[in-house]
Amino acid sequence: SRIDRYTRQGLYTLAMDEAHRAVEFSAFYLPVHVRMAEIMMKEGRVRQAINKYNIIAKTYLVRGENDRAASILSEVLEMAPLDISVRESLIELLESEQRWDEALDQYVDLADTHHQLGNFDMSRDIFGAAERLANRVGATPDKIVRIKHRVADIDQMRLDIRKAQKTYDEIIQLVPDDERAHRMLVDLHYRQNSPTEAIKKLDALLRIYAKNKQPNRITQLLEELVTTYPNDTGLRSRLAAIYTQLKRKNDAIRQLDALGELQLEAGAHQEATNTIRQIIALNPDGVEDYRKLLVQLGG
């Protein structure tokens, strides 16, 4: 057609003139309107093109041609992923057809769009709506968990730590081995100065790693946490234990040394005595010095 030929040649004004003539001849022939929107995009009139596409999609909806409408809206979102009105139209269409999985994916993308635009409260509200829909239609736990993680991320960003904790606990109820939820709970409890709770969550995560035969993950996590919280005796003792299991004798001794010092500074002499016994059992250089210290402590 002349429209196609002019468009290929970059003669967009002539192409649009031909399209207008075609519309005058057959005003309700939607493929011509689609070509007009395509020409607008090529001319750089993005907003006008998107509005045109949206009108075309709504017209297809009125005609009951839902697949064509969905196709148009999806194409527009590829060109303009941050367009909220188009995505809302697509969600409305998918819900009307009970295409729940696709609708949920679009809800998540819509919430992400608001997040990218800095509308954090709106983003959280939409994630909440997506979660309610997911529960109502019996979505898979994985899909619900994906949404919950995003909600918790926003709550953390807004420093609403208790809400984030509650959401991570809900995730673990749905998927007990969700490593990220366990890891985030460890950090959140430390941030709230609740080391005892943090250690409980940590032990749950370490059990997952152990069950999956991932000693390197255990070591890496404990090393990170000891670096961040060097005065936490629970972390030091666990890192020393894994080093001992892995036959990393010198690393184990270094951790036990640091642990013993922390215990002595805290006046926990019985715990320090037990730690020194562990060091002696590893037969370190200067073992006699440790034995003398043990005697001084009454061990």
Protein backbone atom coordinates (compact mmCIF):
# COMPACT_ATOMS: atom_id res chain seq x y z
CA SER A 1 0.00 0.00 0.00
CA ARG A 2 1.01 3.63 -0.35
CA ILE A 3 1.04 3.98 3.42
CA ASP A 4 3.63 1.21 3.70
CA ARG A 5 5.72 2.52 0.81
CA TYR A 6 5.84 6.08 2.14
CA THR A 7 6.62 4.80 5.65
CA ARG A 8 9.53 2.68 4.38
CA GLN A 9 10.89 5.75 2.54
CA GLY A 10 10.64 7.85 5.70
CA LEU A 11 7.99 10.09 4.13
CA TYR A 12 5.85 10.10 7.25
CA THR A 13 3.73 13.14 6.37
CA LEU A 14 2.68 11.57 3.07
CA ALA A 15 2.09 8.25 4.82
CA MET A 16 -0.15 9.95 7.39
CA ASP A 17 -2.06 11.77 4.63
CA GLU A 18 -2.76 8.42 2.96
CA ALA A 19 -3.89 6.98 6.29
CA HIS A 20 -6.29 9.88 6.83
CA ARG A 21 -7.74 9.31 3.37
CA ALA A 22 -8.24 5.63 4.20
CA VAL A 23 -9.99 6.57 7.46
CA GLU A 24 -12.32 8.91 5.58
CA PHE A 25 -13.22 5.99 3.34
CA SER A 26 -13.60 3.48 6.22
CA ALA A 27 -13.56 5.18 9.61
CA PHE A 28 -13.93 2.01 11.68
CA TYR A 29 -11.24 -0.09 9.99
CA LEU A 30 -8.87 -0.38 12.95
CA PRO A 31 -5.73 -1.67 11.15
CA VAL A 32 -5.45 1.77 9.51
CA HIS A 33 -5.58 3.41 12.93
CA VAL A 34 -2.82 1.04 14.04
CA ARG A 35 -0.70 2.22 11.09
CA MET A 36 -1.34 5.83 12.11
CA ALA A 37 -0.09 5.07 15.62
CA GLU A 38 3.00 3.40 14.15
CA ILE A 39 3.71 6.48 12.02
CA MET A 40 3.33 8.72 15.08
CA MET A 41 5.91 6.61 16.91
CA LYS A 42 8.34 6.94 13.98
CA GLU A 43 7.79 10.70 13.97
CA GLY A 44 8.67 10.82 17.66
CA ARG A 45 5.14 11.74 18.75
CA VAL A 46 5.26 9.08 21.43
CA ARG A 47 2.51 10.38 23.72
CA GLN A 48 0.05 10.81 20.86
CA ALA A 49 0.91 7.35 19.53
CA ILE A 50 0.33 5.74 22.92
CA ASN A 51 -3.01 7.51 23.31
CA LYS A 52 -3.97 6.29 19.84
CA TYR A 53 -2.99 2.71 20.67
CA ASN A 54 -4.99 2.90 23.89
CA ILE A 55 -8.12 4.04 22.02
CA ILE A 56 -7.64 1.25 19.47
CA ALA A 57 -7.33 -1.34 22.24
CA LYS A 58 -10.48 -0.07 23.96
CA THR A 59 -12.34 -0.23 20.66
CA TYR A 60 -11.27 -3.85 20.19
CA LEU A 61 -12.53 -4.49 23.73
CA VAL A 62 -15.94 -3.00 22.93
CA ARG A 63 -16.10 -5.28 19.90
CA GLY A 64 -15.26 -8.27 22.05
CA GLU A 65 -11.92 -8.83 20.31
CA ASN A 66 -10.04 -9.20 23.57
CA ASP A 67 -7.02 -11.01 22.16
CA ARG A 68 -6.40 -8.19 19.69
CA ALA A 69 -6.78 -5.65 22.49
CA ALA A 70 -4.33 -7.52 24.73
CA SER A 71 -1.85 -7.78 21.87
CA ILE A 72 -2.02 -4.03 21.19
CA LEU A 73 -1.59 -3.13 24.87
CA SER A 74 1.33 -5.52 25.27
CA GLU A 75 3.07 -4.00 22.24
CA VAL A 76 2.61 -0.51 23.67
CA LEU A 77 4.11 -1.58 27.00
CA GLU A 78 7.18 -2.88 25.20
CA MET A 79 7.61 0.61 23.73
CA ALA A 80 6.61 2.52 26.86
CA PRO A 81 6.99 0.25 29.92
CA LEU A 82 6.38 3.12 32.35
CA ASP A 83 2.98 4.00 30.92
CA ILE A 84 0.62 3.46 33.84
CA SER A 85 -2.71 3.97 32.05
CA VAL A 86 -1.90 1.35 29.40
CA ARG A 87 -0.83 -1.19 32.01
CA GLU A 88 -4.00 -0.54 34.02
CA SER A 89 -6.05 -1.15 30.87
CA LEU A 90 -4.25 -4.44 30.29
CA ILE A 91 -4.84 -5.51 33.91
CA GLU A 92 -8.54 -4.72 33.58
CA LEU A 93 -8.71 -6.80 30.41
CA LEU A 94 -6.84 -9.77 31.89
CA GLU A 95 -9.03 -9.74 35.01
CA SER A 96 -12.20 -9.66 32.91
CA GLU A 97 -10.98 -12.84 31.18
CA GLN A 98 -9.84 -14.40 34.47
CA ARG A 99 -6.29 -14.73 33.15
CA TRP A 100 -5.05 -14.51 36.71
CA ASP A 101 -1.38 -15.41 36.26
CA GLU A 102 -0.92 -12.79 33.58
CA ALA A 103 -2.89 -10.24 35.60
CA LEU A 104 -0.68 -10.84 38.64
CA ASP A 105 2.46 -10.37 36.55
CA GLN A 106 1.07 -7.08 35.28
CA TYR A 107 0.18 -5.98 38.83
CA VAL A 108 3.80 -6.60 39.84
CA ASP A 109 5.05 -4.66 36.82
CA LEU A 110 2.63 -1.82 37.62
CA ALA A 111 3.87 -1.68 41.21
CA ASP A 112 7.46 -1.71 39.94
CA THR A 113 6.62 1.17 37.61
CA HIS A 114 5.31 3.28 40.49
CA HIS A 115 8.43 2.33 42.45
CA GLN A 116 10.68 3.50 39.61
CA LEU A 117 8.73 6.77 39.46
CA GLY A 118 9.23 7.30 43.21
CA ASN A 119 5.60 6.59 44.15
CA PHE A 120 6.52 4.21 46.96
CA ASP A 121 3.23 4.29 48.85
CA MET A 122 1.29 3.60 45.67
CA SER A 123 3.72 0.82 44.80
CA ARG A 124 3.13 -0.85 48.15
CA ASP A 125 -0.65 -0.48 47.81
CA ILE A 126 -0.58 -2.19 44.41
CA PHE A 127 1.60 -5.01 45.71
CA GLY A 128 -0.97 -5.40 48.49
CA ALA A 129 -3.78 -5.59 45.92
CA ALA A 130 -1.76 -8.15 43.97
CA GLU A 131 -1.27 -10.24 47.10
CA ARG A 132 -4.99 -10.19 47.89
CA LEU A 133 -5.78 -11.24 44.33
CA ALA A 134 -3.16 -13.99 44.49
CA ASN A 135 -4.72 -15.38 47.67
CA ARG A 136 -8.24 -15.12 46.25
CA VAL A 137 -7.47 -17.01 43.03
CA GLY A 138 -5.23 -19.63 44.66
CA ALA A 139 -1.94 -18.55 43.08
CA THR A 140 1.14 -20.68 43.69
CA PRO A 141 3.14 -20.06 46.89
CA ASP A 142 6.11 -18.99 44.75
CA LYS A 143 4.08 -16.20 43.15
CA ILE A 144 2.73 -15.02 46.51
CA VAL A 145 6.22 -15.11 48.01
CA ARG A 146 7.60 -13.06 45.13
CA ILE A 147 5.03 -10.35 45.88
CA LYS A 148 5.64 -10.50 49.64
CA HIS A 149 9.37 -10.01 49.12
CA ARG A 150 8.69 -6.81 47.21
CA VAL A 151 6.36 -5.57 49.96
CA ALA A 152 9.03 -6.27 52.58
CA ASP A 153 11.65 -4.45 50.48
CA ILE A 154 9.48 -1.33 50.44
CA ASP A 155 8.80 -1.54 54.18
CA GLN A 156 12.53 -1.79 54.84
CA MET A 157 13.17 1.21 52.64
CA ARG A 158 10.53 3.13 54.62
CA LEU A 159 12.21 1.91 57.84
CA ASP A 160 9.04 0.10 58.89
CA ILE A 161 11.08 -2.77 60.32
CA ARG A 162 8.27 -4.51 62.20
CA LYS A 163 6.09 -4.77 59.10
CA ALA A 164 9.04 -6.13 57.14
CA GLN A 165 9.72 -8.72 59.85
CA LYS A 166 6.08 -9.80 59.85
CA THR A 167 6.13 -10.24 56.07
CA TYR A 168 9.35 -12.27 56.13
CA ASP A 169 7.86 -14.51 58.82
CA GLU A 170 4.81 -15.02 56.58
CA ILE A 171 7.11 -15.94 53.69
CA ILE A 172 8.81 -18.59 55.80
CA GLN A 173 5.41 -20.03 56.75
CA LEU A 174 4.66 -20.41 53.03
CA VAL A 175 8.14 -21.54 51.94
CA PRO A 176 10.11 -22.72 55.01
CA ASP A 177 13.41 -22.92 53.11
CA ASP A 178 13.28 -19.41 51.64
CA GLU A 179 16.89 -18.41 52.22
CA ARG A 180 16.45 -14.72 51.50
CA ALA A 181 13.67 -14.33 54.08
CA HIS A 182 15.78 -16.04 56.75
CA ARG A 183 18.79 -13.89 55.85
CA MET A 184 16.82 -10.66 56.00
CA LEU A 185 15.38 -11.60 59.40
CA VAL A 186 18.90 -12.11 60.75
CA ASP A 187 19.87 -8.60 59.65
CA LEU A 188 16.64 -7.00 60.87
CA HIS A 189 16.97 -8.48 64.35
CA TYR A 190 20.56 -7.31 64.60
CA ARG A 191 19.49 -3.84 63.46
CA GLN A 192 16.92 -3.84 66.26
CA ASN A 193 19.61 -4.84 68.75
CA SER A 194 18.03 -8.26 69.32
CA PRO A 195 21.06 -10.56 68.96
CA THR A 196 19.34 -13.53 70.63
CA GLU A 197 16.52 -13.49 68.07
CA ALA A 198 19.04 -12.89 65.30
CA ILE A 199 20.98 -16.00 66.31
CA LYS A 200 17.77 -18.07 66.31
CA LYS A 201 17.03 -16.97 62.74
CA LEU A 202 20.65 -17.54 61.79
CA ASP A 203 20.58 -21.11 63.10
CA ALA A 204 17.47 -21.81 61.00
CA LEU A 205 19.31 -20.58 57.91
CA LEU A 206 22.45 -22.55 58.76
CA ARG A 207 20.31 -25.70 59.05
CA ILE A 208 19.04 -25.08 55.51
CA TYR A 209 22.60 -24.74 54.23
CA ALA A 210 23.65 -27.87 56.11
CA LYS A 211 20.68 -29.84 54.75
CA ASN A 212 21.66 -28.75 51.24
CA LYS A 213 25.31 -29.69 51.92
CA GLN A 214 26.60 -26.15 51.42
CA PRO A 215 29.44 -25.69 53.94
CA ASN A 216 30.90 -22.84 51.89
CA ARG A 217 27.65 -20.87 52.26
CA ILE A 218 27.78 -21.43 56.02
CA THR A 219 31.37 -20.23 56.22
CA GLN A 220 30.80 -17.22 53.97
CA LEU A 221 27.73 -16.06 55.89
CA LEU A 222 29.37 -16.41 59.29
CA GLU A 223 32.50 -14.61 58.11
CA GLU A 224 30.38 -11.72 56.82
CA LEU A 225 28.44 -11.49 60.08
CA VAL A 226 31.55 -11.69 62.27
CA THR A 227 33.07 -8.84 60.26
CA THR A 228 29.91 -6.78 60.78
CA TYR A 229 29.33 -7.75 64.43
CA PRO A 230 32.81 -8.61 65.78
CA ASN A 231 31.70 -8.56 69.43
CA ASP A 232 28.95 -11.16 69.05
CA THR A 233 30.08 -14.28 70.88
CA GLY A 234 27.40 -16.46 69.29
CA LEU A 235 28.75 -15.69 65.84
CA ARG A 236 32.37 -16.28 66.86
CA SER A 237 31.58 -19.65 68.44
CA ARG A 238 29.67 -20.82 65.35
CA LEU A 239 32.43 -19.72 62.99
CA ALA A 240 35.03 -21.48 65.13
CA ALA A 241 32.93 -24.65 65.07
CA ILE A 242 32.63 -24.72 61.28
CA TYR A 243 36.35 -24.02 60.90
CA THR A 244 37.04 -26.95 63.22
CA GLN A 245 34.75 -29.22 61.19
CA LEU A 246 36.54 -28.16 58.00
CA LYS A 247 39.96 -28.88 59.60
CA ARG A 248 40.93 -25.21 59.33
CA LYS A 249 42.79 -25.38 62.62
CA ASN A 250 44.50 -21.98 62.61
CA ASP A 251 41.32 -20.14 61.60
CA ALA A 252 39.42 -21.96 64.35
CA ILE A 253 42.04 -21.00 66.94
CA ARG A 254 41.91 -17.34 65.89
CA GLN A 255 38.14 -17.27 66.36
CA LEU A 256 38.32 -19.08 69.69
CA ASP A 257 41.02 -16.65 70.87
CA ALA A 258 38.81 -13.69 70.04
CA LEU A 259 35.81 -15.44 71.61
CA GLY A 260 37.70 -16.12 74.84
CA GLU A 261 38.77 -12.49 75.11
CA LEU A 262 35.19 -11.29 74.65
CA GLN A 263 33.99 -13.71 77.32
CA LEU A 264 36.67 -12.64 79.79
CA GLU A 265 35.89 -8.96 79.18
CA ALA A 266 32.22 -9.72 79.88
CA GLY A 267 33.12 -11.57 83.10
CA ALA A 268 31.82 -14.86 81.69
CA HIS A 269 34.61 -16.94 83.23
CA GLN A 270 32.93 -20.32 82.91
CA GLU A 271 32.30 -19.79 79.19
CA ALA A 272 35.88 -18.54 78.75
CA THR A 273 37.16 -21.67 80.50
CA ASN A 274 35.24 -23.88 78.06
CA THR A 275 36.61 -21.89 75.12
CA ILE A 276 40.20 -22.29 76.33
CA ARG A 277 39.66 -26.03 76.65
CA GLN A 278 38.56 -26.08 73.00
CA ILE A 279 41.73 -24.22 72.02
CA ILE A 280 43.92 -26.68 73.96
CA ALA A 281 42.17 -29.60 72.24
CA LEU A 282 43.38 -28.19 68.92
CA ASN A 283 46.99 -28.31 70.21
CA PRO A 284 48.04 -24.84 69.06
CA ASP A 285 51.53 -23.36 69.17
CA GLY A 286 52.15 -22.15 72.73
CA VAL A 287 49.64 -24.62 74.14
CA GLU A 288 51.34 -24.38 77.56
CA ASP A 289 50.35 -20.72 77.81
CA TYR A 290 46.73 -21.71 77.35
CA ARG A 291 47.08 -24.39 80.01
CA LYS A 292 48.48 -21.82 82.46
CA LEU A 293 45.58 -19.49 81.70
CA LEU A 294 43.17 -22.35 82.30
CA VAL A 295 44.71 -22.97 85.73
CA GLN A 296 44.46 -19.26 86.56
CA LEU A 297 40.77 -19.38 85.75
CA GLY A 298 40.34 -22.35 88.05
CA GLY A 299 39.78 -24.78 85.20
